[in-house]
Amino acid sequence: MPTFTALTTLPGKAAAEKLGAAMEALDPEPTGVGVFEVEDGSGLWEVGGYFTDPPDDTALTLLALAVGAKPFVVSEVPETDWVAHVRRELAPVAAGRFFVYGSHDADQVPAGAEPLLIEAAMAFGTGHHGTTLGCLRALDRLADAGVVGQNVADIGCGTAVLAMAAARIWPNPVRASDIDAVAVDVARSNAAANGLEGRVLCLEAAGFDHPDLLAASPFDLVFANILKGPLIALAPDMARHLAPGGHAILSGILNEQADEVIGVYADVGINLVHREEIVDWTTLTLGRELP
């Protein structure tokens, strides 16, 4: 049975919530309405509804006009094909020199950008979430500062977008690991689609617990875009596997959790270099001092 979606964006939380509430009264009635802030720092909110019957285009147009929203985009999506839905709706993301896009936006890649082709798939990390965006910006800053990653690991890699970004700008292979076998398969597919097969080495592992990672340690740059709890648990291993003078880029951290994570890593000798907040999420760039 098909599902119909109606999606729009507009600035401002109050207007978005008002629009979401108004959608609840539509006929035909939506089976669900969502109101979400777009986590790219733009200040835009997305409002969407799901319908089992085609929604009333005229009613949607009037609702959008009333609150200054963009016209609704109505799509028919098979219930099981959520990937196709996401692919249609995700816009490209620019993060410094990096440009994350789907194949449907291949003609939008700017000249001189480092392109990262990521299709919607069953793994986290398309560049649209504030955590992934923050990590790409952090990598861009390090590269601008003259850092060259000779030995890089992406722990909890998801789509491997961060590992691929490092492999785009630096010559040596990058190791990308995830505890989820599906994510590892997606990461391998993404590396191949980006012409990085053999340069992004995808491994199934919990943290650094893999023979290839242990043999390659210590790393001069480690990405870990996971969550606060796993990041805190990872701190002792990070201290063992991050080279003196190396950097760690951490995210998956809510803004109010950042000070705790900074403190835990400082206790193991890895200190704050830079922090960036994107909507609700903080990305930390940390450094281990030379002896």
C-alpha atoms as a PDB file:
ATOM      1  CA  MET A   1       0.000   0.000   0.000  1.00  0.00           C
ATOM      2  CA  PRO A   2       1.570   3.339  -0.964  1.00  0.00           C
ATOM      3  CA  THR A   3       2.275   6.114   1.518  1.00  0.00           C
ATOM      4  CA  PHE A   4       1.940   9.746   0.516  1.00  0.00           C
ATOM      5  CA  THR A   5       4.260  12.338   2.023  1.00  0.00           C
ATOM      6  CA  ALA A   6       3.861  16.106   2.091  1.00  0.00           C
ATOM      7  CA  LEU A   7       7.007  18.020   3.062  1.00  0.00           C
ATOM      8  CA  THR A   8       7.951  21.662   3.347  1.00  0.00           C
ATOM      9  CA  THR A   9      10.476  23.890   5.101  1.00  0.00           C
ATOM     10  CA  LEU A  10      10.167  27.290   6.740  1.00  0.00           C
ATOM     11  CA  PRO A  11      12.096  29.469   9.196  1.00  0.00           C
ATOM     12  CA  GLY A  12      11.163  29.571  12.858  1.00  0.00           C
ATOM     13  CA  LYS A  13      10.086  27.009  15.434  1.00  0.00           C
ATOM     14  CA  ALA A  14       6.790  28.688  16.347  1.00  0.00           C
ATOM     15  CA  ALA A  15       5.590  28.875  12.737  1.00  0.00           C
ATOM     16  CA  ALA A  16       6.666  25.283  12.100  1.00  0.00           C
ATOM     17  CA  GLU A  17       4.798  23.994  15.147  1.00  0.00           C
ATOM     18  CA  LYS A  18       1.723  26.006  14.134  1.00  0.00           C
ATOM     19  CA  LEU A  19       1.839  24.459  10.667  1.00  0.00           C
ATOM     20  CA  GLY A  20       2.283  20.964  12.094  1.00  0.00           C
ATOM     21  CA  ALA A  21      -0.755  21.426  14.342  1.00  0.00           C
ATOM     22  CA  ALA A  22      -2.835  22.716  11.422  1.00  0.00           C
ATOM     23  CA  MET A  23      -1.923  19.659   9.336  1.00  0.00           C
ATOM     24  CA  GLU A  24      -3.481  17.411  11.975  1.00  0.00           C
ATOM     25  CA  ALA A  25      -6.909  18.814  11.029  1.00  0.00           C
ATOM     26  CA  LEU A  26      -6.626  18.079   7.307  1.00  0.00           C
ATOM     27  CA  ASP A  27      -9.082  15.871   5.467  1.00  0.00           C
ATOM     28  CA  PRO A  28      -7.898  13.275   4.563  1.00  0.00           C
ATOM     29  CA  GLU A  29      -6.214  13.109   7.939  1.00  0.00           C
ATOM     30  CA  PRO A  30      -2.496  12.373   8.057  1.00  0.00           C
ATOM     31  CA  THR A  31      -1.355   9.215   9.821  1.00  0.00           C
ATOM     32  CA  GLY A  32       1.501  11.203  11.329  1.00  0.00           C
ATOM     33  CA  VAL A  33       2.994  14.692  11.365  1.00  0.00           C
ATOM     34  CA  GLY A  34       6.579  15.588  12.168  1.00  0.00           C
ATOM     35  CA  VAL A  35       8.224  18.927  12.936  1.00  0.00           C
ATOM     36  CA  PHE A  36      12.028  18.915  12.949  1.00  0.00           C
ATOM     37  CA  GLU A  37      14.793  21.480  12.922  1.00  0.00           C
ATOM     38  CA  VAL A  38      17.148  21.039   9.967  1.00  0.00           C
ATOM     39  CA  GLU A  39      20.493  20.418  11.659  1.00  0.00           C
ATOM     40  CA  ASP A  40      22.724  22.448   9.377  1.00  0.00           C
ATOM     41  CA  GLY A  41      22.630  25.778  11.200  1.00  0.00           C
ATOM     42  CA  SER A  42      20.312  27.329   8.604  1.00  0.00           C
ATOM     43  CA  GLY A  43      17.502  28.013  11.072  1.00  0.00           C
ATOM     44  CA  LEU A  44      15.023  26.166   8.854  1.00  0.00           C
ATOM     45  CA  TRP A  45      12.452  23.685  10.103  1.00  0.00           C
ATOM     46  CA  GLU A  46      10.974  20.769   8.170  1.00  0.00           C
ATOM     47  CA  VAL A  47       7.298  19.939   8.527  1.00  0.00           C
ATOM     48  CA  GLY A  48       5.992  16.748   7.028  1.00  0.00           C
ATOM     49  CA  GLY A  49       2.919  14.566   7.045  1.00  0.00           C
ATOM     50  CA  TYR A  50       2.272  10.952   6.043  1.00  0.00           C
ATOM     51  CA  PHE A  51      -1.014   9.984   4.413  1.00  0.00           C
ATOM     52  CA  THR A  52      -2.612   6.739   3.304  1.00  0.00           C
ATOM     53  CA  ASP A  53      -4.766   8.690   0.805  1.00  0.00           C
ATOM     54  CA  PRO A  54      -3.545  11.495  -1.460  1.00  0.00           C
ATOM     55  CA  PRO A  55      -3.543  14.757   0.538  1.00  0.00           C
ATOM     56  CA  ASP A  56      -5.562  17.791  -0.529  1.00  0.00           C
ATOM     57  CA  ASP A  57      -3.166  19.937  -2.598  1.00  0.00           C
ATOM     58  CA  THR A  58      -5.305  23.064  -2.246  1.00  0.00           C
ATOM     59  CA  ALA A  59      -5.494  22.768   1.529  1.00  0.00           C
ATOM     60  CA  LEU A  60      -1.718  22.239   1.744  1.00  0.00           C
ATOM     61  CA  THR A  61      -1.079  25.293  -0.445  1.00  0.00           C
ATOM     62  CA  LEU A  62      -3.238  27.473   1.791  1.00  0.00           C
ATOM     63  CA  LEU A  63      -1.555  26.209   4.944  1.00  0.00           C
ATOM     64  CA  ALA A  64       1.908  26.912   3.522  1.00  0.00           C
ATOM     65  CA  LEU A  65       0.920  30.420   2.445  1.00  0.00           C
ATOM     66  CA  ALA A  66      -0.535  31.193   5.867  1.00  0.00           C
ATOM     67  CA  VAL A  67       2.815  30.677   7.629  1.00  0.00           C
ATOM     68  CA  GLY A  68       5.268  31.645   4.882  1.00  0.00           C
ATOM     69  CA  ALA A  69       6.427  28.118   4.150  1.00  0.00           C
ATOM     70  CA  LYS A  70       7.694  26.834   0.835  1.00  0.00           C
ATOM     71  CA  PRO A  71       5.073  24.979  -1.233  1.00  0.00           C
ATOM     72  CA  PHE A  72       4.580  21.425  -0.067  1.00  0.00           C
ATOM     73  CA  VAL A  73       6.255  18.685  -2.085  1.00  0.00           C
ATOM     74  CA  VAL A  74       3.887  15.722  -2.281  1.00  0.00           C
ATOM     75  CA  SER A  75       5.330  12.326  -3.133  1.00  0.00           C
ATOM     76  CA  GLU A  76       3.971   8.818  -3.355  1.00  0.00           C
ATOM     77  CA  VAL A  77       6.380   6.432  -1.655  1.00  0.00           C
ATOM     78  CA  PRO A  78       5.974   2.644  -1.295  1.00  0.00           C
ATOM     79  CA  GLU A  79       5.903   1.777   2.391  1.00  0.00           C
ATOM     80  CA  THR A  80       9.129  -0.214   2.304  1.00  0.00           C
ATOM     81  CA  ASP A  81      11.121   2.139   0.100  1.00  0.00           C
ATOM     82  CA  TRP A  82      12.196   4.714   2.688  1.00  0.00           C
ATOM     83  CA  VAL A  83      15.607   5.020   1.034  1.00  0.00           C
ATOM     84  CA  ALA A  84      14.038   6.326  -2.178  1.00  0.00           C
ATOM     85  CA  HIS A  85      12.076   8.875  -0.164  1.00  0.00           C
ATOM     86  CA  VAL A  86      15.154  10.131   1.649  1.00  0.00           C
ATOM     87  CA  ARG A  87      17.163  10.258  -1.585  1.00  0.00           C
ATOM     88  CA  ARG A  88      14.604  12.591  -3.158  1.00  0.00           C
ATOM     89  CA  GLU A  89      14.486  14.934  -0.198  1.00  0.00           C
ATOM     90  CA  LEU A  90      18.154  15.278   0.804  1.00  0.00           C
ATOM     91  CA  ALA A  91      19.917  18.279  -0.655  1.00  0.00           C
ATOM     92  CA  PRO A  92      23.696  18.397  -1.167  1.00  0.00           C
ATOM     93  CA  VAL A  93      25.802  19.553   1.780  1.00  0.00           C
ATOM     94  CA  ALA A  94      28.877  21.770   1.582  1.00  0.00           C
ATOM     95  CA  ALA A  95      31.353  21.508   4.473  1.00  0.00           C
ATOM     96  CA  GLY A  96      34.447  23.532   3.708  1.00  0.00           C
ATOM     97  CA  ARG A  97      36.185  21.879   0.763  1.00  0.00           C
ATOM     98  CA  PHE A  98      33.913  18.829   0.953  1.00  0.00           C
ATOM     99  CA  PHE A  99      30.654  18.440  -0.979  1.00  0.00           C
ATOM    100  CA  VAL A 100      28.373  15.556   0.009  1.00  0.00           C
ATOM    101  CA  TYR A 101      25.775  14.670  -2.598  1.00  0.00           C
ATOM    102  CA  GLY A 102      23.562  11.922  -3.996  1.00  0.00           C
ATOM    103  CA  SER A 103      23.847  10.701  -7.569  1.00  0.00           C
ATOM    104  CA  HIS A 104      20.709  12.677  -8.461  1.00  0.00           C
ATOM    105  CA  ASP A 105      22.689  15.884  -7.695  1.00  0.00           C
ATOM    106  CA  ALA A 106      25.906  14.958  -9.529  1.00  0.00           C
ATOM    107  CA  ASP A 107      25.530  18.013 -11.768  1.00  0.00           C
ATOM    108  CA  GLN A 108      25.719  20.323  -8.727  1.00  0.00           C
ATOM    109  CA  VAL A 109      29.259  19.450  -7.594  1.00  0.00           C
ATOM    110  CA  PRO A 110      31.195  22.745  -7.536  1.00  0.00           C
ATOM    111  CA  ALA A 111      34.488  23.030  -9.390  1.00  0.00           C
ATOM    112  CA  GLY A 112      37.394  22.471  -7.033  1.00  0.00           C
ATOM    113  CA  ALA A 113      35.330  20.745  -4.341  1.00  0.00           C
ATOM    114  CA  GLU A 114      36.228  17.372  -2.854  1.00  0.00           C
ATOM    115  CA  PRO A 115      33.148  15.321  -3.854  1.00  0.00           C
ATOM    116  CA  LEU A 116      31.723  12.623  -1.598  1.00  0.00           C
ATOM    117  CA  LEU A 117      28.945  10.563  -3.169  1.00  0.00           C
ATOM    118  CA  ILE A 118      26.646   9.177  -0.465  1.00  0.00           C
ATOM    119  CA  GLU A 119      23.306   7.601  -1.309  1.00  0.00           C
ATOM    120  CA  ALA A 120      20.613   7.233   1.334  1.00  0.00           C
ATOM    121  CA  ALA A 121      21.200   3.807   2.866  1.00  0.00           C
ATOM    122  CA  MET A 122      20.939   1.785   6.060  1.00  0.00           C
ATOM    123  CA  ALA A 123      23.826   3.491   7.847  1.00  0.00           C
ATOM    124  CA  PHE A 124      24.286   6.811   9.599  1.00  0.00           C
ATOM    125  CA  GLY A 125      26.199   9.662   7.988  1.00  0.00           C
ATOM    126  CA  THR A 126      24.951  11.607   5.005  1.00  0.00           C
ATOM    127  CA  GLY A 127      26.392  14.965   6.025  1.00  0.00           C
ATOM    128  CA  HIS A 128      22.977  16.460   6.833  1.00  0.00           C
ATOM    129  CA  HIS A 129      23.124  15.713  10.554  1.00  0.00           C
ATOM    130  CA  GLY A 130      24.904  18.280  12.700  1.00  0.00           C
ATOM    131  CA  THR A 131      27.368  15.661  13.951  1.00  0.00           C
ATOM    132  CA  THR A 132      28.637  14.523  10.547  1.00  0.00           C
ATOM    133  CA  LEU A 133      28.671  18.092   9.253  1.00  0.00           C
ATOM    134  CA  GLY A 134      30.670  19.174  12.293  1.00  0.00           C
ATOM    135  CA  CYS A 135      33.247  16.426  11.757  1.00  0.00           C
ATOM    136  CA  LEU A 136      33.720  17.373   8.106  1.00  0.00           C
ATOM    137  CA  ARG A 137      34.198  21.012   9.085  1.00  0.00           C
ATOM    138  CA  ALA A 138      36.713  19.971  11.757  1.00  0.00           C
ATOM    139  CA  LEU A 139      38.674  17.955   9.208  1.00  0.00           C
ATOM    140  CA  ASP A 140      38.625  20.910   6.825  1.00  0.00           C
ATOM    141  CA  ARG A 141      40.022  23.175   9.564  1.00  0.00           C
ATOM    142  CA  LEU A 142      42.848  20.757  10.360  1.00  0.00           C
ATOM    143  CA  ALA A 143      43.776  20.496   6.686  1.00  0.00           C
ATOM    144  CA  ASP A 144      43.714  24.294   6.368  1.00  0.00           C
ATOM    145  CA  ALA A 145      46.093  24.457   9.353  1.00  0.00           C
ATOM    146  CA  GLY A 146      48.578  22.262   7.495  1.00  0.00           C
ATOM    147  CA  VAL A 147      47.841  18.946   9.198  1.00  0.00           C
ATOM    148  CA  VAL A 148      48.468  15.920   6.969  1.00  0.00           C
ATOM    149  CA  GLY A 149      47.022  12.663   8.256  1.00  0.00           C
ATOM    150  CA  GLN A 150      49.506   9.872   7.643  1.00  0.00           C
ATOM    151  CA  ASN A 151      47.601   7.241   9.631  1.00  0.00           C
ATOM    152  CA  VAL A 152      43.847   7.820  10.070  1.00  0.00           C
ATOM    153  CA  ALA A 153      41.045   5.750  11.622  1.00  0.00           C
ATOM    154  CA  ASP A 154      37.277   6.293  11.559  1.00  0.00           C
ATOM    155  CA  ILE A 155      35.778   4.458  14.552  1.00  0.00           C
ATOM    156  CA  GLY A 156      32.027   3.867  14.246  1.00  0.00           C
ATOM    157  CA  CYS A 157      32.213   4.868  10.602  1.00  0.00           C
ATOM    158  CA  GLY A 158      28.578   4.438   9.461  1.00  0.00           C
ATOM    159  CA  THR A 159      28.627   5.334   5.764  1.00  0.00           C
ATOM    160  CA  ALA A 160      32.405   5.984   6.003  1.00  0.00           C
ATOM    161  CA  VAL A 161      31.898   9.552   4.790  1.00  0.00           C
ATOM    162  CA  LEU A 162      34.567  10.825   7.209  1.00  0.00           C
ATOM    163  CA  ALA A 163      37.076   8.153   6.229  1.00  0.00           C
ATOM    164  CA  MET A 164      36.450   8.930   2.569  1.00  0.00           C
ATOM    165  CA  ALA A 165      36.904  12.654   3.181  1.00  0.00           C
ATOM    166  CA  ALA A 166      40.323  11.994   4.724  1.00  0.00           C
ATOM    167  CA  ALA A 167      41.239   9.654   1.861  1.00  0.00           C
ATOM    168  CA  ARG A 168      40.269  12.362  -0.633  1.00  0.00           C
ATOM    169  CA  ILE A 169      42.819  14.850   0.673  1.00  0.00           C
ATOM    170  CA  TRP A 170      45.619  12.672   2.066  1.00  0.00           C
ATOM    171  CA  PRO A 171      47.589   9.925   0.320  1.00  0.00           C
ATOM    172  CA  ASN A 172      47.605   6.994   2.743  1.00  0.00           C
ATOM    173  CA  PRO A 173      44.833   4.404   3.229  1.00  0.00           C
ATOM    174  CA  VAL A 174      42.273   5.140   5.948  1.00  0.00           C
ATOM    175  CA  ARG A 175      40.831   2.447   8.212  1.00  0.00           C
ATOM    176  CA  ALA A 176      37.076   2.629   8.839  1.00  0.00           C
ATOM    177  CA  SER A 177      35.426   0.368  11.414  1.00  0.00           C
ATOM    178  CA  ASP A 178      31.907  -0.167  12.660  1.00  0.00           C
ATOM    179  CA  ILE A 179      30.327  -2.636  15.051  1.00  0.00           C
ATOM    180  CA  ASP A 180      27.354  -3.028  12.656  1.00  0.00           C
ATOM    181  CA  ALA A 181      27.891  -5.450   9.756  1.00  0.00           C
ATOM    182  CA  VAL A 182      25.305  -3.610   7.625  1.00  0.00           C
ATOM    183  CA  ALA A 183      27.198  -0.341   8.078  1.00  0.00           C
ATOM    184  CA  VAL A 184      30.454  -2.031   7.058  1.00  0.00           C
ATOM    185  CA  ASP A 185      28.829  -3.323   3.864  1.00  0.00           C
ATOM    186  CA  VAL A 186      27.450   0.147   3.129  1.00  0.00           C
ATOM    187  CA  ALA A 187      30.853   1.676   3.816  1.00  0.00           C
ATOM    188  CA  ARG A 188      32.534  -0.701   1.345  1.00  0.00           C
ATOM    189  CA  SER A 189      29.928   0.119  -1.298  1.00  0.00           C
ATOM    190  CA  ASN A 190      30.404   3.855  -0.754  1.00  0.00           C
ATOM    191  CA  ALA A 191      34.177   3.558  -0.988  1.00  0.00           C
ATOM    192  CA  ALA A 192      33.839   1.707  -4.290  1.00  0.00           C
ATOM    193  CA  ALA A 193      31.305   4.236  -5.628  1.00  0.00           C
ATOM    194  CA  ASN A 194      33.754   7.045  -4.841  1.00  0.00           C
ATOM    195  CA  GLY A 195      36.726   5.353  -6.488  1.00  0.00           C
ATOM    196  CA  LEU A 196      38.335   4.779  -3.074  1.00  0.00           C
ATOM    197  CA  GLU A 197      38.289   0.995  -2.987  1.00  0.00           C
ATOM    198  CA  GLY A 198      41.580  -0.103  -1.458  1.00  0.00           C
ATOM    199  CA  ARG A 199      42.151   3.341   0.072  1.00  0.00           C
ATOM    200  CA  VAL A 200      39.317   3.101   2.610  1.00  0.00           C
ATOM    201  CA  LEU A 201      39.716  -0.209   4.441  1.00  0.00           C
ATOM    202  CA  CYS A 202      36.383  -1.203   5.998  1.00  0.00           C
ATOM    203  CA  LEU A 203      36.440  -3.427   9.088  1.00  0.00           C
ATOM    204  CA  GLU A 204      33.825  -4.875  11.443  1.00  0.00           C
ATOM    205  CA  ALA A 205      35.001  -4.067  14.952  1.00  0.00           C
ATOM    206  CA  ALA A 206      34.005  -2.665  18.323  1.00  0.00           C
ATOM    207  CA  GLY A 207      36.199   0.354  18.903  1.00  0.00           C
ATOM    208  CA  PHE A 208      39.847  -0.428  18.146  1.00  0.00           C
ATOM    209  CA  ASP A 209      39.344  -4.169  18.711  1.00  0.00           C
ATOM    210  CA  HIS A 210      40.511  -5.525  15.367  1.00  0.00           C
ATOM    211  CA  PRO A 211      43.918  -6.962  14.389  1.00  0.00           C
ATOM    212  CA  ASP A 212      44.308  -4.498  11.508  1.00  0.00           C
ATOM    213  CA  LEU A 213      43.591  -1.508  13.750  1.00  0.00           C
ATOM    214  CA  LEU A 214      45.874  -2.750  16.508  1.00  0.00           C
ATOM    215  CA  ALA A 215      48.695  -3.384  14.034  1.00  0.00           C
ATOM    216  CA  ALA A 216      48.320   0.093  12.495  1.00  0.00           C
ATOM    217  CA  SER A 217      48.212   1.925  15.848  1.00  0.00           C
ATOM    218  CA  PRO A 218      49.074   4.599  16.899  1.00  0.00           C
ATOM    219  CA  PHE A 219      46.999   6.901  14.680  1.00  0.00           C
ATOM    220  CA  ASP A 220      47.648  10.582  14.108  1.00  0.00           C
ATOM    221  CA  LEU A 221      43.940  11.269  13.507  1.00  0.00           C
ATOM    222  CA  VAL A 222      40.929   9.374  14.818  1.00  0.00           C
ATOM    223  CA  PHE A 223      37.297  10.176  14.044  1.00  0.00           C
ATOM    224  CA  ALA A 224      34.678   8.900  16.492  1.00  0.00           C
ATOM    225  CA  ASN A 225      31.198  10.155  15.628  1.00  0.00           C
ATOM    226  CA  ILE A 226      29.149   7.973  17.955  1.00  0.00           C
ATOM    227  CA  LEU A 227      27.430   8.990  21.240  1.00  0.00           C
ATOM    228  CA  LYS A 228      28.494  10.344  24.623  1.00  0.00           C
ATOM    229  CA  GLY A 229      28.430   7.021  26.473  1.00  0.00           C
ATOM    230  CA  PRO A 230      30.533   5.075  23.946  1.00  0.00           C
ATOM    231  CA  LEU A 231      32.889   8.065  23.567  1.00  0.00           C
ATOM    232  CA  ILE A 232      33.540   8.134  27.307  1.00  0.00           C
ATOM    233  CA  ALA A 233      34.078   4.368  27.346  1.00  0.00           C
ATOM    234  CA  LEU A 234      36.477   4.749  24.408  1.00  0.00           C
ATOM    235  CA  ALA A 235      38.694   7.342  26.130  1.00  0.00           C
ATOM    236  CA  PRO A 236      41.279   4.925  27.647  1.00  0.00           C
ATOM    237  CA  ASP A 237      41.671   3.117  24.315  1.00  0.00           C
ATOM    238  CA  MET A 238      41.896   6.453  22.517  1.00  0.00           C
ATOM    239  CA  ALA A 239      44.793   7.398  24.811  1.00  0.00           C
ATOM    240  CA  ARG A 240      46.547   4.139  23.901  1.00  0.00           C
ATOM    241  CA  HIS A 241      45.988   4.417  20.155  1.00  0.00           C
ATOM    242  CA  LEU A 242      46.338   8.162  19.461  1.00  0.00           C
ATOM    243  CA  ALA A 243      49.904   9.178  18.672  1.00  0.00           C
ATOM    244  CA  PRO A 244      51.572  12.068  20.521  1.00  0.00           C
ATOM    245  CA  GLY A 245      50.810  15.202  18.515  1.00  0.00           C
ATOM    246  CA  GLY A 246      47.769  13.500  17.005  1.00  0.00           C
ATOM    247  CA  HIS A 247      44.160  14.678  16.881  1.00  0.00           C
ATOM    248  CA  ALA A 248      40.789  13.153  17.665  1.00  0.00           C
ATOM    249  CA  ILE A 249      37.572  14.498  16.149  1.00  0.00           C
ATOM    250  CA  LEU A 250      34.610  13.483  18.323  1.00  0.00           C
ATOM    251  CA  SER A 251      30.895  14.014  17.816  1.00  0.00           C
ATOM    252  CA  GLY A 252      27.505  12.534  18.575  1.00  0.00           C
ATOM    253  CA  ILE A 253      27.592  14.771  21.650  1.00  0.00           C
ATOM    254  CA  LEU A 254      24.660  16.924  22.739  1.00  0.00           C
ATOM    255  CA  ASN A 255      25.739  20.454  23.582  1.00  0.00           C
ATOM    256  CA  GLU A 256      25.071  19.978  27.289  1.00  0.00           C
ATOM    257  CA  GLN A 257      27.223  16.812  27.320  1.00  0.00           C
ATOM    258  CA  ALA A 258      30.320  18.379  25.776  1.00  0.00           C
ATOM    259  CA  ASP A 259      32.019  19.565  28.984  1.00  0.00           C
ATOM    260  CA  GLU A 260      31.797  16.088  30.483  1.00  0.00           C
ATOM    261  CA  VAL A 261      33.387  14.497  27.414  1.00  0.00           C
ATOM    262  CA  ILE A 262      36.121  17.178  27.359  1.00  0.00           C
ATOM    263  CA  GLY A 263      36.892  16.461  31.016  1.00  0.00           C
ATOM    264  CA  VAL A 264      37.105  12.695  30.551  1.00  0.00           C
ATOM    265  CA  TYR A 265      39.510  13.055  27.618  1.00  0.00           C
ATOM    266  CA  ALA A 266      41.605  15.663  29.437  1.00  0.00           C
ATOM    267  CA  ASP A 267      42.055  13.130  32.239  1.00  0.00           C
ATOM    268  CA  VAL A 268      43.744  10.754  29.766  1.00  0.00           C
ATOM    269  CA  GLY A 269      45.944  13.472  28.252  1.00  0.00           C
ATOM    270  CA  ILE A 270      43.867  14.438  25.201  1.00  0.00           C
ATOM    271  CA  ASN A 271      42.893  18.097  25.392  1.00  0.00           C
ATOM    272  CA  LEU A 272      40.484  20.465  23.683  1.00  0.00           C
ATOM    273  CA  VAL A 273      41.673  22.265  20.555  1.00  0.00           C
ATOM    274  CA  HIS A 274      38.363  23.444  19.094  1.00  0.00           C
ATOM    275  CA  ARG A 275      34.640  22.993  19.675  1.00  0.00           C
ATOM    276  CA  GLU A 276      31.727  23.778  17.379  1.00  0.00           C
ATOM    277  CA  GLU A 277      28.007  23.665  18.056  1.00  0.00           C
ATOM    278  CA  ILE A 278      25.599  22.974  15.190  1.00  0.00           C
ATOM    279  CA  VAL A 279      22.040  23.229  16.477  1.00  0.00           C
ATOM    280  CA  ASP A 280      21.845  20.656  19.333  1.00  0.00           C
ATOM    281  CA  TRP A 281      25.160  18.900  18.647  1.00  0.00           C
ATOM    282  CA  THR A 282      28.772  19.614  19.521  1.00  0.00           C
ATOM    283  CA  THR A 283      31.840  18.470  17.608  1.00  0.00           C
ATOM    284  CA  LEU A 284      35.144  18.425  19.487  1.00  0.00           C
ATOM    285  CA  THR A 285      38.627  18.551  18.017  1.00  0.00           C
ATOM    286  CA  LEU A 286      41.078  17.284  20.633  1.00  0.00           C
ATOM    287  CA  GLY A 287      44.844  16.952  20.586  1.00  0.00           C
ATOM    288  CA  ARG A 288      47.387  14.806  22.376  1.00  0.00           C
ATOM    289  CA  GLU A 289      50.442  16.811  23.351  1.00  0.00           C
ATOM    290  CA  LEU A 290      53.928  15.820  22.280  1.00  0.00           C
ATOM    291  CA  PRO A 291      56.053  14.445  25.117  1.00  0.00           C
END
